[in-house]
């Protein structure tokens, strides 16, 4: 540290030239500045006084040697006030008049040079290690996890909880590693894939050219096409110097570090979110279909839906609700979140960020609308069936009456 200030003063001794009007306060400051230079190892001897050329209004900074007693006094008096005296010097120089440039500008430039000269001194590393891209996909309603693990046994990471509806696969560096404080997967060749039994796939730190290859691995064990592939993107940032464990932002979450438990926790919420979006769209389709039926009934006073179609809608609505509650486990807290409050904080924050509770409430409301319409149409179909049976009974009774009349008429003719 003392060497840094010595280099700063030496640079100014040999390079800084300024124009100013002398005054008593500036003279006192210059003397203090000269005294400070004696606190450091002496530089090369200055040239003799007769060789120093001075011009009117110009002053070149030099420092001379002092006695040991002066050095002692200077150390006792000026060393504790080093920062304040330097500030006064810079302030005094900045107020002087110069036709070309100010000494304050020169001082700032010299300080930057000195800081750059030291190895590791004055260099502030970036706190954020890097961003980890996270992508969630949904293209099927079921994945055979057992066969997936068997085909990718070298990439399989053993579970740390009792949850059995997902698996984690590591690609790139497949050797066992510990990701924790001081370690980072951002910028490394390690990537992770979290695959859920209900069809969601969440990729961590996977490069764009490798995405299709990872998804093809899952598609080989998937069933129940979900139609168009759905995609969602998120981001995880690592900042080990944070005072808190996590901070949220717009489409990203910042953690002190990301480990396997963090990958499982974040992946579970993103997997539920992208799958919930699929089921919401399914229910939206049913709502639109019933809306068209109601509009047709408004115009014609009747509807032509067959009983089989109505029963299909009933089964679809019930299966969607069951899948959201049972397969997605939307209301089941992660085992990792139960064990560690840090991951519970991530779990709760991401559920609020992706509005899982609000979206399920909206889904439930739409399903109730569908259920109400199904019940209404079922009553109409039931009334239609009752009316048909009633008319059938009437026809049968009428036929029986006709037969009885015919029989009576025949017997009368025979008796005559």
Protein backbone atom coordinates (compact mmCIF):
# COMPACT_ATOMS: atom_id res chain seq x y z
CA UNK A 1 0.00 0.00 0.00
CA UNK A 2 2.82 2.46 0.88
CA UNK A 3 4.55 1.50 -2.36
CA UNK A 4 1.41 2.45 -4.30
CA UNK A 5 1.39 5.94 -2.81
CA UNK A 6 5.15 6.23 -3.38
CA UNK A 7 4.70 5.39 -7.07
CA UNK A 8 1.88 7.90 -7.27
CA UNK A 9 4.04 10.66 -5.73
CA UNK A 10 7.04 9.71 -7.88
CA UNK A 11 4.96 9.87 -11.05
CA UNK A 12 3.79 13.33 -10.09
CA UNK A 13 7.34 14.36 -9.22
CA UNK A 14 8.52 13.55 -12.74
CA UNK A 15 5.46 14.19 -14.91
CA UNK A 16 3.00 16.64 -13.39
CA UNK A 17 3.42 20.26 -14.40
CA UNK A 18 0.80 22.85 -13.70
CA UNK A 19 0.25 26.60 -13.88
CA UNK A 20 -1.11 28.40 -10.83
CA UNK A 21 -0.80 31.60 -8.88
CA UNK A 22 1.22 31.03 -5.70
CA UNK A 23 -0.45 31.70 -2.41
CA UNK A 24 0.32 31.05 1.22
CA UNK A 25 -2.18 28.16 1.49
CA UNK A 26 -0.76 26.48 -1.63
CA UNK A 27 2.78 26.91 -0.28
CA UNK A 28 1.76 25.21 2.98
CA UNK A 29 0.15 22.36 1.04
CA UNK A 30 3.24 21.92 -1.10
CA UNK A 31 5.40 21.74 2.01
CA UNK A 32 3.13 19.06 3.47
CA UNK A 33 3.31 17.23 0.18
CA UNK A 34 7.11 17.41 0.23
CA UNK A 35 7.19 16.13 3.80
CA UNK A 36 5.04 13.13 2.82
CA UNK A 37 7.50 12.08 0.17
CA UNK A 38 10.14 11.62 2.85
CA UNK A 39 8.06 8.86 4.46
CA UNK A 40 8.88 6.52 1.59
CA UNK A 41 12.16 5.03 0.32
CA UNK A 42 14.15 7.81 -1.34
CA UNK A 43 13.97 8.01 -5.13
CA UNK A 44 17.02 8.72 -7.30
CA UNK A 45 18.73 12.00 -6.30
CA UNK A 46 17.21 15.03 -7.96
CA UNK A 47 19.32 17.18 -10.24
CA UNK A 48 21.22 20.10 -8.69
CA UNK A 49 19.23 23.25 -8.14
CA UNK A 50 21.12 25.19 -10.79
CA UNK A 51 20.08 22.59 -13.45
CA UNK A 52 16.38 22.97 -12.72
CA UNK A 53 14.81 25.39 -15.12
CA UNK A 54 11.82 27.29 -13.92
CA UNK A 55 9.55 29.54 -15.87
CA UNK A 56 7.35 32.33 -14.55
CA UNK A 57 4.09 30.87 -13.33
CA UNK A 58 5.38 27.27 -13.66
CA UNK A 59 6.32 25.02 -10.79
CA UNK A 60 7.81 21.51 -11.13
CA UNK A 61 7.34 19.33 -8.06
CA UNK A 62 10.52 18.01 -6.48
CA UNK A 63 11.32 16.67 -3.08
CA UNK A 64 14.54 16.93 -1.13
CA UNK A 65 16.07 14.99 1.66
CA UNK A 66 15.46 15.87 5.27
CA UNK A 67 17.13 14.99 8.49
CA UNK A 68 16.21 11.91 10.47
CA UNK A 69 14.52 14.09 13.08
CA UNK A 70 12.35 15.70 10.41
CA UNK A 71 11.44 12.27 9.14
CA UNK A 72 10.42 11.21 12.63
CA UNK A 73 8.24 14.29 13.08
CA UNK A 74 6.73 13.81 9.67
CA UNK A 75 5.90 10.18 10.43
CA UNK A 76 4.29 11.06 13.76
CA UNK A 77 2.26 13.98 12.46
CA UNK A 78 1.52 13.35 8.79
CA UNK A 79 1.23 9.57 8.48
CA UNK A 80 -2.14 9.32 10.28
CA UNK A 81 -3.39 12.12 8.09
CA UNK A 82 -2.15 10.72 4.81
CA UNK A 83 -5.49 10.49 3.11
CA UNK A 84 -6.63 13.96 4.21
CA UNK A 85 -3.41 15.67 3.11
CA UNK A 86 -3.52 13.97 -0.28
CA UNK A 87 -7.10 15.13 -0.66
CA UNK A 88 -6.02 18.69 0.14
CA UNK A 89 -3.26 18.49 -2.43
CA UNK A 90 -5.60 17.29 -5.15
CA UNK A 91 -8.13 19.95 -4.16
CA UNK A 92 -5.48 22.68 -4.31
CA UNK A 93 -4.24 21.54 -7.71
CA UNK A 94 -7.75 21.36 -9.14
CA UNK A 95 -8.34 25.05 -8.28
CA UNK A 96 -5.23 26.25 -10.10
CA UNK A 97 -5.46 27.70 -13.59
CA UNK A 98 -3.85 25.89 -16.50
CA UNK A 99 -4.09 26.71 -20.18
CA UNK A 100 -4.07 23.06 -21.27
CA UNK A 101 -5.26 20.67 -18.60
CA UNK A 102 -5.91 20.58 -14.87
CA UNK A 103 -3.79 18.79 -12.33
CA UNK A 104 -6.88 17.06 -10.98
CA UNK A 105 -7.30 15.33 -14.33
CA UNK A 106 -3.63 14.34 -14.31
CA UNK A 107 -3.89 13.00 -10.76
CA UNK A 108 -6.90 10.86 -11.60
CA UNK A 109 -5.14 9.48 -14.65
CA UNK A 110 -2.00 8.69 -12.69
CA UNK A 111 -4.00 6.95 -9.98
CA UNK A 112 -5.58 4.71 -12.59
CA UNK A 113 -2.13 3.86 -13.97
CA UNK A 114 -0.76 3.04 -10.53
CA UNK A 115 -3.68 0.80 -9.71
CA UNK A 116 -3.20 -1.05 -12.96
CA UNK A 117 0.51 -1.56 -12.29
CA UNK A 118 -0.02 -3.58 -9.11
CA UNK A 119 -0.62 -7.25 -9.53
CA UNK A 120 -4.14 -7.89 -8.27
CA UNK A 121 -4.28 -4.52 -6.53
CA UNK A 122 -7.21 -2.23 -7.26
CA UNK A 123 -8.86 -4.79 -9.59
CA UNK A 124 -12.48 -5.60 -8.71
CA UNK A 125 -13.67 -8.97 -9.96
CA UNK A 126 -17.18 -9.34 -11.27
CA UNK A 127 -19.40 -10.60 -8.47
CA UNK A 128 -21.77 -12.42 -10.79
CA UNK A 129 -20.06 -15.53 -12.09
CA UNK A 130 -22.40 -15.92 -15.06
CA UNK A 131 -25.91 -16.75 -16.12
CA UNK A 132 -27.22 -20.29 -16.54
CA UNK A 133 -29.96 -20.61 -19.20
CA UNK A 134 -32.94 -22.72 -18.20
CA UNK A 135 -35.44 -24.01 -20.77
CA UNK A 136 -38.61 -25.99 -20.11
CA UNK A 137 -40.37 -28.12 -22.76
CA UNK A 138 -43.60 -30.08 -22.88
CA UNK A 139 -44.39 -32.35 -25.86
CA UNK A 140 -45.93 -35.50 -24.33
CA UNK A 141 -48.20 -36.44 -21.46
CA UNK A 142 -46.17 -39.41 -20.22
CA UNK A 143 -42.52 -40.53 -20.08
CA UNK A 144 -41.26 -43.99 -19.14
CA UNK A 145 -38.62 -42.99 -16.61
CA UNK A 146 -37.47 -46.55 -15.98
CA UNK A 147 -36.47 -47.20 -19.58
CA UNK A 148 -34.98 -43.71 -19.84
CA UNK A 149 -32.67 -44.40 -16.90
CA UNK A 150 -31.69 -47.81 -18.28
CA UNK A 151 -30.63 -46.29 -21.60
CA UNK A 152 -28.74 -43.43 -19.95
CA UNK A 153 -27.26 -45.07 -16.87
CA UNK A 154 -23.86 -43.23 -17.06
CA UNK A 155 -25.63 -39.86 -17.00
CA UNK A 156 -28.07 -40.71 -14.22
CA UNK A 157 -27.75 -38.85 -10.91
CA UNK A 158 -28.98 -40.72 -7.87
CA UNK A 159 -31.99 -39.06 -6.17
CA UNK A 160 -31.65 -37.32 -2.83
CA UNK A 161 -35.36 -37.43 -1.94
CA UNK A 162 -38.30 -39.79 -2.04
CA UNK A 163 -39.85 -38.15 -5.09
CA UNK A 164 -40.06 -40.73 -7.90
CA UNK A 165 -41.86 -38.77 -10.60
CA UNK A 166 -38.67 -37.33 -12.13
CA UNK A 167 -35.03 -38.11 -12.88
CA UNK A 168 -31.94 -35.92 -13.36
CA UNK A 169 -29.35 -36.62 -16.06
CA UNK A 170 -25.92 -34.95 -16.32
CA UNK A 171 -24.17 -34.46 -19.64
CA UNK A 172 -20.74 -33.17 -20.53
CA UNK A 173 -18.60 -33.98 -17.52
CA UNK A 174 -20.21 -37.19 -16.23
CA UNK A 175 -17.73 -37.79 -13.43
CA UNK A 176 -19.06 -37.32 -9.88
CA UNK A 177 -18.72 -33.72 -8.80
CA UNK A 178 -19.82 -31.54 -5.94
CA UNK A 179 -21.45 -28.27 -6.88
CA UNK A 180 -21.59 -25.92 -3.95
CA UNK A 181 -20.13 -22.79 -2.49
CA UNK A 182 -17.28 -21.59 -4.67
CA UNK A 183 -18.21 -23.82 -7.63
CA UNK A 184 -20.17 -22.84 -10.71
CA UNK A 185 -21.68 -24.63 -13.71
CA UNK A 186 -22.01 -21.44 -15.74
CA UNK A 187 -19.48 -21.42 -18.53
CA UNK A 188 -18.61 -25.09 -17.96
CA UNK A 189 -19.35 -28.04 -20.23
CA UNK A 190 -21.65 -29.65 -17.66
CA UNK A 191 -25.35 -29.56 -18.46
CA UNK A 192 -28.35 -31.07 -16.71
CA UNK A 193 -31.72 -32.40 -17.83
CA UNK A 194 -34.65 -32.93 -15.45
CA UNK A 195 -37.31 -35.25 -16.92
CA UNK A 196 -40.73 -35.63 -15.29
CA UNK A 197 -43.09 -38.55 -15.60
CA UNK A 198 -45.95 -36.31 -16.72
CA UNK A 199 -43.97 -35.16 -19.78
CA UNK A 200 -42.08 -31.99 -18.84
CA UNK A 201 -38.38 -31.62 -19.63
CA UNK A 202 -36.21 -28.88 -18.06
CA UNK A 203 -32.71 -28.18 -19.42
CA UNK A 204 -29.97 -26.40 -17.47
CA UNK A 205 -26.90 -24.89 -19.16
CA UNK A 206 -27.55 -26.70 -22.46
CA UNK A 207 -26.17 -24.99 -25.55
CA UNK A 208 -28.55 -24.26 -28.42
CA UNK A 209 -26.99 -26.81 -30.83
CA UNK A 210 -27.43 -29.58 -28.23
CA UNK A 211 -31.09 -28.93 -27.34
CA UNK A 212 -32.65 -31.12 -30.06
CA UNK A 213 -30.28 -33.95 -29.22
CA UNK A 214 -31.33 -33.85 -25.55
CA UNK A 215 -35.02 -33.75 -26.43
CA UNK A 216 -34.70 -36.69 -28.81
CA UNK A 217 -33.38 -38.77 -25.92
CA UNK A 218 -36.64 -38.16 -24.06
CA UNK A 219 -38.92 -38.53 -27.08
CA UNK A 220 -37.72 -42.11 -27.53
CA UNK A 221 -39.38 -42.96 -24.19
CA UNK A 222 -42.40 -40.64 -24.38
CA UNK A 223 -46.02 -41.43 -25.14
CA UNK A 224 -49.23 -39.47 -25.47
CA UNK A 225 -48.51 -36.63 -27.84
CA UNK A 226 -49.36 -33.18 -26.53
CA UNK A 227 -49.53 -31.67 -30.01
CA UNK A 228 -47.42 -28.56 -30.45
CA UNK A 229 -44.26 -28.47 -28.34
CA UNK A 230 -44.45 -25.82 -25.66
CA UNK A 231 -41.41 -23.92 -24.47
CA UNK A 232 -40.58 -21.59 -21.61
CA UNK A 233 -37.29 -19.86 -20.79
CA UNK A 234 -35.78 -18.72 -17.52
CA UNK A 235 -32.35 -17.82 -16.14
CA UNK A 236 -30.32 -18.54 -13.03
CA UNK A 237 -27.44 -16.28 -11.96
CA UNK A 238 -24.75 -17.11 -9.41
CA UNK A 239 -23.30 -14.45 -7.11
CA UNK A 240 -21.31 -15.91 -4.19
CA UNK A 241 -20.79 -12.48 -2.57
CA UNK A 242 -24.50 -11.86 -1.94
CA UNK A 243 -25.51 -11.17 1.64
CA UNK A 244 -28.74 -13.13 1.19
CA UNK A 245 -29.21 -16.64 -0.15
CA UNK A 246 -31.32 -15.58 -3.13
CA UNK A 247 -32.74 -12.59 -4.94
CA UNK A 248 -35.42 -12.47 -7.59
CA UNK A 249 -35.55 -10.44 -10.76
CA UNK A 250 -37.35 -10.14 -14.07
CA UNK A 251 -37.26 -13.62 -15.63
CA UNK A 252 -34.29 -14.69 -13.52
CA UNK A 253 -33.32 -15.74 -10.02
CA UNK A 254 -29.94 -14.97 -8.44
CA UNK A 255 -28.41 -17.45 -5.99
CA UNK A 256 -25.17 -17.64 -4.08
CA UNK A 257 -24.55 -20.93 -5.87
CA UNK A 258 -26.52 -23.54 -7.79
CA UNK A 259 -26.20 -27.21 -6.83
CA UNK A 260 -28.11 -30.39 -7.62
CA UNK A 261 -30.80 -29.71 -5.02
CA UNK A 262 -31.28 -26.25 -6.50
CA UNK A 263 -31.60 -27.77 -9.97
CA UNK A 264 -34.22 -30.22 -8.71
CA UNK A 265 -36.19 -27.48 -6.93
CA UNK A 266 -36.14 -25.02 -9.83
CA UNK A 267 -36.84 -27.77 -12.33
CA UNK A 268 -39.88 -29.02 -10.41
CA UNK A 269 -41.57 -25.62 -10.47
CA UNK A 270 -40.75 -24.93 -14.13
CA UNK A 271 -41.91 -28.43 -15.10
CA UNK A 272 -45.24 -27.90 -13.32
CA UNK A 273 -45.63 -24.49 -14.90
CA UNK A 274 -45.15 -25.62 -18.51
CA UNK A 275 -47.39 -28.68 -17.97
CA UNK A 276 -50.07 -26.58 -16.32
CA UNK A 277 -50.04 -24.34 -19.38
CA UNK A 278 -50.90 -27.39 -21.53
CA UNK A 279 -53.85 -28.37 -19.34
CA UNK A 280 -55.09 -24.79 -19.22
CA UNK A 281 -55.16 -24.76 -23.02
CA UNK A 282 -57.03 -28.05 -23.03
CA UNK A 283 -59.68 -26.64 -20.73
CA UNK A 284 -59.79 -23.44 -22.79
CA UNK A 285 -60.65 -25.59 -25.81
CA UNK A 286 -63.55 -27.18 -23.93
CA UNK A 287 -64.78 -23.79 -22.76
CA UNK A 288 -64.72 -22.53 -26.36
CA UNK A 289 -66.67 -25.60 -27.52
CA UNK A 290 -69.38 -25.12 -24.91
CA UNK A 291 -69.51 -21.43 -25.74
CA UNK A 292 -70.31 -22.29 -29.35
CA UNK A 293 -73.02 -24.73 -28.20
CA UNK A 294 -74.61 -22.07 -25.99
CA UNK A 295 -74.60 -19.55 -28.82
CA UNK A 296 -76.22 -22.10 -31.12
CA UNK A 297 -78.89 -22.80 -28.51
CA UNK A 298 -79.46 -19.07 -28.20
CA UNK A 299 -80.24 -18.85 -31.91
CA UNK A 300 -82.11 -22.11 -32.54
CA UNK A 301 -83.46 -23.03 -29.11
CA UNK A 302 -81.97 -26.54 -29.33
CA UNK A 303 -78.67 -28.34 -29.83
CA UNK A 304 -77.54 -31.36 -31.78
CA UNK A 305 -74.74 -32.77 -29.61
CA UNK A 306 -74.76 -36.50 -29.32
CA UNK A 307 -74.63 -38.25 -26.00
CA UNK A 308 -71.31 -39.91 -26.90
CA UNK A 309 -69.65 -36.54 -27.55
CA UNK A 310 -70.92 -35.20 -24.26
CA UNK A 311 -69.56 -38.18 -22.38
CA UNK A 312 -66.18 -37.63 -24.07
CA UNK A 313 -66.13 -34.07 -22.81
CA UNK A 314 -67.01 -35.26 -19.32
CA UNK A 315 -64.14 -37.73 -19.35
CA UNK A 316 -61.70 -35.13 -20.69
CA UNK A 317 -62.59 -32.59 -18.03
CA UNK A 318 -62.26 -35.12 -15.21
CA UNK A 319 -58.95 -36.52 -16.51
CA UNK A 320 -57.44 -33.02 -16.84
CA UNK A 321 -58.35 -32.17 -13.28
CA UNK A 322 -56.99 -35.49 -12.02
CA UNK A 323 -53.72 -35.05 -13.94
CA UNK A 324 -53.15 -31.57 -12.56
CA UNK A 325 -53.74 -32.64 -8.98
CA UNK A 326 -52.25 -36.12 -8.99
CA UNK A 327 -49.62 -36.35 -11.75
CA UNK A 328 -48.28 -32.81 -11.51
CA UNK A 329 -48.47 -32.84 -7.71
CA UNK A 330 -49.28 -29.15 -7.85
CA UNK A 331 -50.06 -28.95 -4.14
CA UNK A 332 -47.33 -31.31 -2.93
CA UNK A 333 -44.35 -29.58 -1.39
CA UNK A 334 -40.94 -30.74 -2.58
CA UNK A 335 -39.07 -33.03 -0.18
CA UNK A 336 -35.96 -30.89 -0.62
CA UNK A 337 -37.96 -27.81 0.35
CA UNK A 338 -39.21 -29.62 3.45
CA UNK A 339 -35.68 -30.44 4.57
CA UNK A 340 -33.90 -27.14 3.87
CA UNK A 341 -35.35 -23.66 4.36
CA UNK A 342 -33.10 -22.25 1.61
CA UNK A 343 -34.75 -24.40 -1.04
CA UNK A 344 -38.16 -23.78 0.48
CA UNK A 345 -37.51 -20.09 -0.16
CA UNK A 346 -36.68 -20.83 -3.82
CA UNK A 347 -39.73 -23.07 -4.17
CA UNK A 348 -42.12 -20.52 -2.74
CA UNK A 349 -40.63 -17.63 -4.71
CA UNK A 350 -40.85 -19.48 -8.05
CA UNK A 351 -44.42 -20.60 -7.38
CA UNK A 352 -45.34 -16.96 -6.82
CA UNK A 353 -43.26 -15.88 -9.83
CA UNK A 354 -45.04 -18.31 -12.16
CA UNK A 355 -48.39 -17.79 -10.40
CA UNK A 356 -49.11 -21.51 -10.07
CA UNK A 357 -51.77 -21.06 -7.42
CA UNK A 358 -53.57 -18.32 -9.36
CA UNK A 359 -53.39 -20.26 -12.61
CA UNK A 360 -54.81 -23.37 -10.97
CA UNK A 361 -57.61 -21.27 -9.49
CA UNK A 362 -58.38 -20.01 -12.99
CA UNK A 363 -58.26 -23.58 -14.32
CA UNK A 364 -60.57 -24.76 -11.57
CA UNK A 365 -63.03 -21.95 -12.34
CA UNK A 366 -63.09 -22.91 -16.02
CA UNK A 367 -63.59 -26.57 -15.13
CA UNK A 368 -66.55 -25.59 -12.97
CA UNK A 369 -67.99 -23.71 -15.94
CA UNK A 370 -67.49 -26.81 -18.08
CA UNK A 371 -69.03 -28.98 -15.37
CA UNK A 372 -72.06 -26.69 -15.14
CA UNK A 373 -72.61 -26.88 -18.89
CA UNK A 374 -72.16 -30.63 -18.92
CA UNK A 375 -74.73 -31.03 -16.16
CA UNK A 376 -77.14 -28.76 -18.03
CA UNK A 377 -76.74 -30.65 -21.31
CA UNK A 378 -77.04 -33.97 -19.53
CA UNK A 379 -80.38 -32.86 -18.11
CA UNK A 380 -81.54 -31.86 -21.56
CA UNK A 381 -80.49 -35.20 -23.03
CA UNK A 382 -82.12 -36.99 -20.13
CA UNK A 383 -85.36 -35.08 -20.71
CA UNK A 384 -85.18 -35.96 -24.38
CA UNK A 385 -84.86 -39.60 -23.49
CA UNK A 386 -87.74 -39.37 -21.03
CA UNK A 387 -89.91 -37.71 -23.65
CA UNK A 388 -89.07 -40.43 -26.14
CA UNK A 389 -89.97 -43.15 -23.65
CA UNK A 390 -93.20 -41.41 -22.80
CA UNK A 391 -94.18 -41.19 -26.45
CA UNK A 392 -93.20 -44.79 -26.92
CA UNK A 393 -95.45 -45.84 -24.06
CA UNK A 394 -98.28 -43.79 -25.52
CA UNK A 395 -97.82 -45.46 -28.89
CA UNK A 396 -97.78 -48.91 -27.32
CA UNK A 397 -100.92 -48.18 -25.32
CA UNK A 398 -102.62 -46.86 -28.45
CA UNK A 399 -101.57 -49.96 -30.36
CA UNK A 400 -102.91 -52.17 -27.60
CA UNK A 401 -106.22 -50.31 -27.66
CA UNK A 402 -106.48 -50.72 -31.41
CA UNK A 403 -105.75 -54.40 -31.14
CA UNK A 404 -108.37 -54.79 -28.41
CA UNK A 405 -110.95 -52.92 -30.50
CA UNK A 406 -110.12 -55.03 -33.52
CA UNK A 407 -110.44 -58.21 -31.48
CA UNK A 408 -113.77 -57.13 -30.06
CA UNK A 409 -115.02 -56.20 -33.51
CA UNK A 410 -113.98 -59.58 -34.90
CA UNK A 411 -115.75 -61.51 -32.20
CA UNK A 412 -118.93 -59.49 -32.78
CA UNK A 413 -118.91 -60.33 -36.46
CA UNK A 414 -118.48 -64.04 -35.75
CA UNK A 415 -121.33 -64.07 -33.25
CA UNK A 416 -123.67 -62.54 -35.82
